[in-house]
Amino acid sequence: STSLPRIHVALVGIEKLLPRLSDLSGFLQLI
């Protein structure tokens, strides 16, 4: 859905942020 259509719209709640890229690996495993 994010690769084939010519337009991609991502709807994101403002609380979904993480500060650093290094945080992401931990949260990906945790979720």
PDB file of all heavy atoms in Angstrom:
ATOM      1  N   SER A   1       0.817  -1.214   0.000  1.00  0.00           N
ATOM      2  CA  SER A   1       0.000   0.000   0.000  1.00  0.00           C
ATOM      3  C   SER A   1       0.849   1.262   0.000  1.00  0.00           C
ATOM      4  O   SER A   1       0.406   2.320  -0.466  1.00  0.00           O
ATOM      5  CB  SER A   1      -0.934   0.011   1.215  1.00  0.00           C
ATOM      6  OG  SER A   1      -1.845  -1.067   1.176  1.00  0.00           O
ATOM      7  N   THR A   2       2.062   1.171   0.521  1.00  0.00           N
ATOM      8  CA  THR A   2       2.938   2.350   0.567  1.00  0.00           C
ATOM      9  C   THR A   2       3.888   2.411  -0.628  1.00  0.00           C
ATOM     10  O   THR A   2       4.582   3.420  -0.797  1.00  0.00           O
ATOM     11  CB  THR A   2       3.777   2.344   1.861  1.00  0.00           C
ATOM     12  OG1 THR A   2       4.597   1.168   1.889  1.00  0.00           O
ATOM     13  CG2 THR A   2       2.891   2.361   3.091  1.00  0.00           C
ATOM     14  N   SER A   3       3.942   1.353  -1.431  1.00  0.00           N
ATOM     15  CA  SER A   3       4.933   1.291  -2.520  1.00  0.00           C
ATOM     16  C   SER A   3       4.335   1.476  -3.905  1.00  0.00           C
ATOM     17  O   SER A   3       4.932   2.131  -4.755  1.00  0.00           O
ATOM     18  CB  SER A   3       5.672  -0.059  -2.482  1.00  0.00           C
ATOM     19  OG  SER A   3       6.328  -0.244  -1.261  1.00  0.00           O
ATOM     20  N   LEU A   4       3.154   0.901  -4.156  1.00  0.00           N
ATOM     21  CA  LEU A   4       2.609   0.926  -5.507  1.00  0.00           C
ATOM     22  C   LEU A   4       1.831   2.193  -5.859  1.00  0.00           C
ATOM     23  O   LEU A   4       2.017   2.740  -6.946  1.00  0.00           O
ATOM     24  CB  LEU A   4       1.735  -0.311  -5.737  1.00  0.00           C
ATOM     25  CG  LEU A   4       2.467  -1.654  -5.785  1.00  0.00           C
ATOM     26  CD1 LEU A   4       1.487  -2.779  -6.105  1.00  0.00           C
ATOM     27  CD2 LEU A   4       3.595  -1.625  -6.806  1.00  0.00           C
ATOM     28  N   PRO A   5       0.921   2.678  -5.016  1.00  0.00           N
ATOM     29  CA  PRO A   5       0.175   3.890  -5.385  1.00  0.00           C
ATOM     30  C   PRO A   5       1.088   5.108  -5.513  1.00  0.00           C
ATOM     31  O   PRO A   5       2.133   5.192  -4.869  1.00  0.00           O
ATOM     32  CB  PRO A   5      -0.811   4.060  -4.234  1.00  0.00           C
ATOM     33  CG  PRO A   5      -0.919   2.712  -3.598  1.00  0.00           C
ATOM     34  CD  PRO A   5       0.442   2.111  -3.739  1.00  0.00           C
ATOM     35  N   ARG A   6       0.671   6.059  -6.336  1.00  0.00           N
ATOM     36  CA  ARG A   6       1.509   7.241  -6.559  1.00  0.00           C
ATOM     37  C   ARG A   6       1.476   8.224  -5.399  1.00  0.00           C
ATOM     38  O   ARG A   6       2.332   9.116  -5.309  1.00  0.00           O
ATOM     39  CB  ARG A   6       1.103   7.940  -7.859  1.00  0.00           C
ATOM     40  CG  ARG A   6      -0.362   8.201  -8.026  1.00  0.00           C
ATOM     41  CD  ARG A   6      -0.709   8.593  -9.476  1.00  0.00           C
ATOM     42  NE  ARG A   6      -2.139   8.601  -9.718  1.00  0.00           N
ATOM     43  CZ  ARG A   6      -2.916   9.659  -9.532  1.00  0.00           C
ATOM     44  NH1 ARG A   6      -2.393  10.786  -9.106  1.00  0.00           N
ATOM     45  NH2 ARG A   6      -4.206   9.597  -9.775  1.00  0.00           N
ATOM     46  N   ILE A   7       0.495   8.073  -4.500  1.00  0.00           N
ATOM     47  CA  ILE A   7       0.395   8.953  -3.333  1.00  0.00           C
ATOM     48  C   ILE A   7       0.289   8.094  -2.079  1.00  0.00           C
ATOM     49  O   ILE A   7      -0.493   7.141  -2.028  1.00  0.00           O
ATOM     50  CB  ILE A   7      -0.842   9.868  -3.426  1.00  0.00           C
ATOM     51  CG1 ILE A   7      -0.835  10.675  -4.718  1.00  0.00           C
ATOM     52  CG2 ILE A   7      -0.918  10.797  -2.215  1.00  0.00           C
ATOM     53  CD1 ILE A   7      -2.148  11.363  -5.002  1.00  0.00           C
ATOM     54  N   HIS A   8       1.088   8.426  -1.065  1.00  0.00           N
ATOM     55  CA  HIS A   8       0.996   7.748   0.224  1.00  0.00           C
ATOM     56  C   HIS A   8       0.648   8.791   1.277  1.00  0.00           C
ATOM     57  O   HIS A   8       1.329   9.817   1.411  1.00  0.00           O
ATOM     58  CB  HIS A   8       2.317   7.061   0.587  1.00  0.00           C
ATOM     59  CG  HIS A   8       2.342   6.492   1.976  1.00  0.00           C
ATOM     60  ND1 HIS A   8       3.511   6.262   2.669  1.00  0.00           N
ATOM     61  CD2 HIS A   8       1.338   6.095   2.814  1.00  0.00           C
ATOM     62  CE1 HIS A   8       3.231   5.765   3.855  1.00  0.00           C
ATOM     63  NE2 HIS A   8       1.918   5.658   3.968  1.00  0.00           N
ATOM     64  N   VAL A   9      -0.427   8.539   2.022  1.00  0.00           N
ATOM     65  CA  VAL A   9      -0.829   9.407   3.132  1.00  0.00           C
ATOM     66  C   VAL A   9      -0.702   8.612   4.416  1.00  0.00           C
ATOM     67  O   VAL A   9      -1.326   7.547   4.558  1.00  0.00           O
ATOM     68  CB  VAL A   9      -2.283   9.906   2.968  1.00  0.00           C
ATOM     69  CG1 VAL A   9      -2.687  10.756   4.169  1.00  0.00           C
ATOM     70  CG2 VAL A   9      -2.432  10.707   1.673  1.00  0.00           C
ATOM     71  N   ALA A  10       0.123   9.090   5.340  1.00  0.00           N
ATOM     72  CA  ALA A  10       0.303   8.450   6.646  1.00  0.00           C
ATOM     73  C   ALA A  10      -0.380   9.298   7.708  1.00  0.00           C
ATOM     74  O   ALA A  10      -0.018  10.465   7.905  1.00  0.00           O
ATOM     75  CB  ALA A  10       1.780   8.282   6.970  1.00  0.00           C
ATOM     76  N   LEU A  11      -1.384   8.733   8.362  1.00  0.00           N
ATOM     77  CA  LEU A  11      -2.098   9.420   9.439  1.00  0.00           C
ATOM     78  C   LEU A  11      -1.474   9.003  10.769  1.00  0.00           C
ATOM     79  O   LEU A  11      -1.451   7.820  11.106  1.00  0.00           O
ATOM     80  CB  LEU A  11      -3.577   9.039   9.419  1.00  0.00           C
ATOM     81  CG  LEU A  11      -4.325   9.296   8.105  1.00  0.00           C
ATOM     82  CD1 LEU A  11      -5.726   8.709   8.170  1.00  0.00           C
ATOM     83  CD2 LEU A  11      -4.388  10.790   7.807  1.00  0.00           C
ATOM     84  N   VAL A  12      -0.962   9.980  11.507  1.00  0.00           N
ATOM     85  CA  VAL A  12      -0.188   9.664  12.717  1.00  0.00           C
ATOM     86  C   VAL A  12      -0.654  10.539  13.877  1.00  0.00           C
ATOM     87  O   VAL A  12      -0.683  11.773  13.756  1.00  0.00           O
ATOM     88  CB  VAL A  12       1.324   9.904  12.489  1.00  0.00           C
ATOM     89  CG1 VAL A  12       2.120   9.340  13.655  1.00  0.00           C
ATOM     90  CG2 VAL A  12       1.786   9.309  11.173  1.00  0.00           C
ATOM     91  N   GLY A  13      -1.012   9.921  14.990  1.00  0.00           N
ATOM     92  CA  GLY A  13      -1.301  10.678  16.198  1.00  0.00           C
ATOM     93  C   GLY A  13      -0.020  11.304  16.735  1.00  0.00           C
ATOM     94  O   GLY A  13       1.054  10.699  16.663  1.00  0.00           O
ATOM     95  N   ILE A  14      -0.115  12.507  17.276  1.00  0.00           N
ATOM     96  CA  ILE A  14       1.093  13.226  17.690  1.00  0.00           C
ATOM     97  C   ILE A  14       1.822  12.518  18.826  1.00  0.00           C
ATOM     98  O   ILE A  14       2.996  12.810  19.091  1.00  0.00           O
ATOM     99  CB  ILE A  14       0.764  14.672  18.113  1.00  0.00           C
ATOM    100  CG1 ILE A  14      -0.282  14.684  19.236  1.00  0.00           C
ATOM    101  CG2 ILE A  14       0.296  15.484  16.916  1.00  0.00           C
ATOM    102  CD1 ILE A  14      -0.550  16.071  19.798  1.00  0.00           C
ATOM    103  N   GLU A  15       1.164  11.567  19.500  1.00  0.00           N
ATOM    104  CA  GLU A  15       1.818  10.854  20.597  1.00  0.00           C
ATOM    105  C   GLU A  15       2.662   9.693  20.111  1.00  0.00           C
ATOM    106  O   GLU A  15       3.352   9.056  20.911  1.00  0.00           O
ATOM    107  CB  GLU A  15       0.758  10.344  21.594  1.00  0.00           C
ATOM    108  CG  GLU A  15       0.049   9.062  21.206  1.00  0.00           C
ATOM    109  CD  GLU A  15      -1.061   9.231  20.185  1.00  0.00           C
ATOM    110  OE1 GLU A  15      -1.149  10.311  19.562  1.00  0.00           O
ATOM    111  OE2 GLU A  15      -1.844   8.281  20.002  1.00  0.00           O
ATOM    112  N   LYS A  16       2.649   9.384  18.812  1.00  0.00           N
ATOM    113  CA  LYS A  16       3.334   8.201  18.290  1.00  0.00           C
ATOM    114  C   LYS A  16       4.843   8.409  18.083  1.00  0.00           C
ATOM    115  O   LYS A  16       5.524   7.507  17.600  1.00  0.00           O
ATOM    116  CB  LYS A  16       2.700   7.783  16.963  1.00  0.00           C
ATOM    117  CG  LYS A  16       1.323   7.154  17.098  1.00  0.00           C
ATOM    118  CD  LYS A  16       1.402   5.840  17.852  1.00  0.00           C
ATOM    119  CE  LYS A  16       0.110   5.053  17.777  1.00  0.00           C
ATOM    120  NZ  LYS A  16      -0.109   4.428  16.475  1.00  0.00           N
ATOM    121  N   LEU A  17       5.366   9.564  18.431  1.00  0.00           N
ATOM    122  CA  LEU A  17       6.780   9.849  18.192  1.00  0.00           C
ATOM    123  C   LEU A  17       7.692   9.068  19.131  1.00  0.00           C
ATOM    124  O   LEU A  17       7.302   8.678  20.239  1.00  0.00           O
ATOM    125  CB  LEU A  17       7.074  11.341  18.365  1.00  0.00           C
ATOM    126  CG  LEU A  17       6.929  12.211  17.107  1.00  0.00           C
ATOM    127  CD1 LEU A  17       5.499  12.241  16.628  1.00  0.00           C
ATOM    128  CD2 LEU A  17       7.446  13.617  17.381  1.00  0.00           C
ATOM    129  N   LEU A  18       8.927   8.838  18.651  1.00  0.00           N
ATOM    130  CA  LEU A  18      10.048   8.409  19.470  1.00  0.00           C
ATOM    131  C   LEU A  18      11.170   9.420  19.277  1.00  0.00           C
ATOM    132  O   LEU A  18      11.335   9.963  18.178  1.00  0.00           O
ATOM    133  CB  LEU A  18      10.539   7.018  19.054  1.00  0.00           C
ATOM    134  CG  LEU A  18       9.594   5.845  19.287  1.00  0.00           C
ATOM    135  CD1 LEU A  18      10.213   4.564  18.750  1.00  0.00           C
ATOM    136  CD2 LEU A  18       9.251   5.682  20.764  1.00  0.00           C
ATOM    137  N   PRO A  19      11.958   9.696  20.314  1.00  0.00           N
ATOM    138  CA  PRO A  19      13.000  10.720  20.171  1.00  0.00           C
ATOM    139  C   PRO A  19      14.108  10.347  19.201  1.00  0.00           C
ATOM    140  O   PRO A  19      14.460  11.128  18.318  1.00  0.00           O
ATOM    141  CB  PRO A  19      13.555  10.887  21.592  1.00  0.00           C
ATOM    142  CG  PRO A  19      12.469  10.379  22.489  1.00  0.00           C
ATOM    143  CD  PRO A  19      11.814   9.267  21.716  1.00  0.00           C
ATOM    144  N   ARG A  20      14.680   9.138  19.339  1.00  0.00           N
ATOM    145  CA  ARG A  20      15.896   8.775  18.602  1.00  0.00           C
ATOM    146  C   ARG A  20      15.700   7.492  17.805  1.00  0.00           C
ATOM    147  O   ARG A  20      14.905   6.631  18.186  1.00  0.00           O
ATOM    148  CB  ARG A  20      17.074   8.601  19.571  1.00  0.00           C
ATOM    149  CG  ARG A  20      17.433   9.863  20.339  1.00  0.00           C
ATOM    150  CD  ARG A  20      18.397   9.542  21.470  1.00  0.00           C
ATOM    151  NE  ARG A  20      17.802   8.625  22.445  1.00  0.00           N
ATOM    152  CZ  ARG A  20      17.036   9.006  23.461  1.00  0.00           C
ATOM    153  NH1 ARG A  20      16.782  10.290  23.646  1.00  0.00           N
ATOM    154  NH2 ARG A  20      16.533   8.110  24.296  1.00  0.00           N
ATOM    155  N   LEU A  21      16.486   7.344  16.753  1.00  0.00           N
ATOM    156  CA  LEU A  21      16.430   6.117  15.963  1.00  0.00           C
ATOM    157  C   LEU A  21      16.875   4.918  16.797  1.00  0.00           C
ATOM    158  O   LEU A  21      16.382   3.806  16.612  1.00  0.00           O
ATOM    159  CB  LEU A  21      17.312   6.255  14.716  1.00  0.00           C
ATOM    160  CG  LEU A  21      17.218   5.111  13.698  1.00  0.00           C
ATOM    161  CD1 LEU A  21      15.811   4.989  13.148  1.00  0.00           C
ATOM    162  CD2 LEU A  21      18.229   5.308  12.571  1.00  0.00           C
ATOM    163  N   SER A  22      17.786   5.132  17.732  1.00  0.00           N
ATOM    164  CA  SER A  22      18.245   4.025  18.586  1.00  0.00           C
ATOM    165  C   SER A  22      17.137   3.507  19.497  1.00  0.00           C
ATOM    166  O   SER A  22      17.212   2.380  19.989  1.00  0.00           O
ATOM    167  CB  SER A  22      19.444   4.481  19.432  1.00  0.00           C
ATOM    168  OG  SER A  22      19.099   5.594  20.240  1.00  0.00           O
ATOM    169  N   ASP A  23      16.091   4.319  19.739  1.00  0.00           N
ATOM    170  CA  ASP A  23      14.959   3.855  20.542  1.00  0.00           C
ATOM    171  C   ASP A  23      14.100   2.859  19.766  1.00  0.00           C
ATOM    172  O   ASP A  23      13.420   2.020  20.359  1.00  0.00           O
ATOM    173  CB  ASP A  23      14.066   5.034  20.956  1.00  0.00           C
ATOM    174  CG  ASP A  23      14.784   6.055  21.820  1.00  0.00           C
ATOM    175  OD1 ASP A  23      15.608   5.632  22.648  1.00  0.00           O
ATOM    176  OD2 ASP A  23      14.521   7.262  21.665  1.00  0.00           O
ATOM    177  N   LEU A  24      14.124   2.983  18.441  1.00  0.00           N
ATOM    178  CA  LEU A  24      13.173   2.236  17.625  1.00  0.00           C
ATOM    179  C   LEU A  24      13.350   0.728  17.744  1.00  0.00           C
ATOM    180  O   LEU A  24      12.363  -0.017  17.830  1.00  0.00           O
ATOM    181  CB  LEU A  24      13.298   2.670  16.164  1.00  0.00           C
ATOM    182  CG  LEU A  24      12.342   2.008  15.178  1.00  0.00           C
ATOM    183  CD1 LEU A  24      10.889   2.272  15.556  1.00  0.00           C
ATOM    184  CD2 LEU A  24      12.623   2.502  13.755  1.00  0.00           C
ATOM    185  N   SER A  25      14.586   0.247  17.750  1.00  0.00           N
ATOM    186  CA  SER A  25      14.802  -1.198  17.779  1.00  0.00           C
ATOM    187  C   SER A  25      14.182  -1.827  19.021  1.00  0.00           C
ATOM    188  O   SER A  25      13.587  -2.915  18.955  1.00  0.00           O
ATOM    189  CB  SER A  25      16.301  -1.514  17.704  1.00  0.00           C
ATOM    190  OG  SER A  25      16.987  -0.963  18.822  1.00  0.00           O
ATOM    191  N   GLY A  26      14.308  -1.161  20.156  1.00  0.00           N
ATOM    192  CA  GLY A  26      13.711  -1.689  21.380  1.00  0.00           C
ATOM    193  C   GLY A  26      12.198  -1.719  21.312  1.00  0.00           C
ATOM    194  O   GLY A  26      11.562  -2.703  21.712  1.00  0.00           O
ATOM    195  N   PHE A  27      11.600  -0.662  20.785  1.00  0.00           N
ATOM    196  CA  PHE A  27      10.142  -0.608  20.711  1.00  0.00           C
ATOM    197  C   PHE A  27       9.589  -1.585  19.676  1.00  0.00           C
ATOM    198  O   PHE A  27       8.499  -2.129  19.858  1.00  0.00           O
ATOM    199  CB  PHE A  27       9.683   0.821  20.411  1.00  0.00           C
ATOM    200  CG  PHE A  27       9.548   1.665  21.634  1.00  0.00           C
ATOM    201  CD1 PHE A  27      10.612   2.431  22.090  1.00  0.00           C
ATOM    202  CD2 PHE A  27       8.366   1.688  22.367  1.00  0.00           C
ATOM    203  CE1 PHE A  27      10.503   3.207  23.233  1.00  0.00           C
ATOM    204  CE2 PHE A  27       8.235   2.452  23.508  1.00  0.00           C
ATOM    205  CZ  PHE A  27       9.314   3.213  23.946  1.00  0.00           C
ATOM    206  N   LEU A  28      10.319  -1.809  18.591  1.00  0.00           N
ATOM    207  CA  LEU A  28       9.863  -2.792  17.606  1.00  0.00           C
ATOM    208  C   LEU A  28       9.795  -4.186  18.222  1.00  0.00           C
ATOM    209  O   LEU A  28       8.862  -4.956  17.947  1.00  0.00           O
ATOM    210  CB  LEU A  28      10.800  -2.803  16.402  1.00  0.00           C
ATOM    211  CG  LEU A  28      10.746  -1.581  15.477  1.00  0.00           C
ATOM    212  CD1 LEU A  28      11.809  -1.680  14.395  1.00  0.00           C
ATOM    213  CD2 LEU A  28       9.355  -1.438  14.843  1.00  0.00           C
ATOM    214  N   GLN A  29      10.773  -4.529  19.051  1.00  0.00           N
ATOM    215  CA  GLN A  29      10.749  -5.831  19.717  1.00  0.00           C
ATOM    216  C   GLN A  29       9.687  -5.881  20.813  1.00  0.00           C
ATOM    217  O   GLN A  29       9.019  -6.901  21.003  1.00  0.00           O
ATOM    218  CB  GLN A  29      12.122  -6.123  20.316  1.00  0.00           C
ATOM    219  CG  GLN A  29      13.224  -6.273  19.273  1.00  0.00           C
ATOM    220  CD  GLN A  29      14.593  -6.410  19.916  1.00  0.00           C
ATOM    221  OE1 GLN A  29      14.918  -7.458  20.477  1.00  0.00           O
ATOM    222  NE2 GLN A  29      15.396  -5.362  19.845  1.00  0.00           N
ATOM    223  N   LEU A  30       9.526  -4.765  21.509  1.00  0.00           N
ATOM    224  CA  LEU A  30       8.577  -4.734  22.620  1.00  0.00           C
ATOM    225  C   LEU A  30       7.138  -4.850  22.129  1.00  0.00           C
ATOM    226  O   LEU A  30       6.335  -5.598  22.691  1.00  0.00           O
ATOM    227  CB  LEU A  30       8.760  -3.444  23.417  1.00  0.00           C
ATOM    228  CG  LEU A  30       8.147  -3.398  24.815  1.00  0.00           C
ATOM    229  CD1 LEU A  30       8.728  -4.500  25.684  1.00  0.00           C
ATOM    230  CD2 LEU A  30       8.385  -2.036  25.450  1.00  0.00           C
ATOM    231  N   ILE A  31       6.801  -4.136  21.057  1.00  0.00           N
ATOM    232  CA  ILE A  31       5.420  -4.186  20.569  1.00  0.00           C
ATOM    233  C   ILE A  31       5.107  -5.551  19.983  1.00  0.00           C
ATOM    234  O   ILE A  31       4.004  -6.079  20.141  1.00  0.00           O
ATOM    235  CB  ILE A  31       5.158  -3.059  19.541  1.00  0.00           C
ATOM    236  CG1 ILE A  31       3.646  -2.945  19.274  1.00  0.00           C
ATOM    237  CG2 ILE A  31       5.912  -3.282  18.242  1.00  0.00           C
ATOM    238  CD1 ILE A  31       3.272  -1.763  18.407  1.00  0.00           C
TER     239      ILE A  31
END
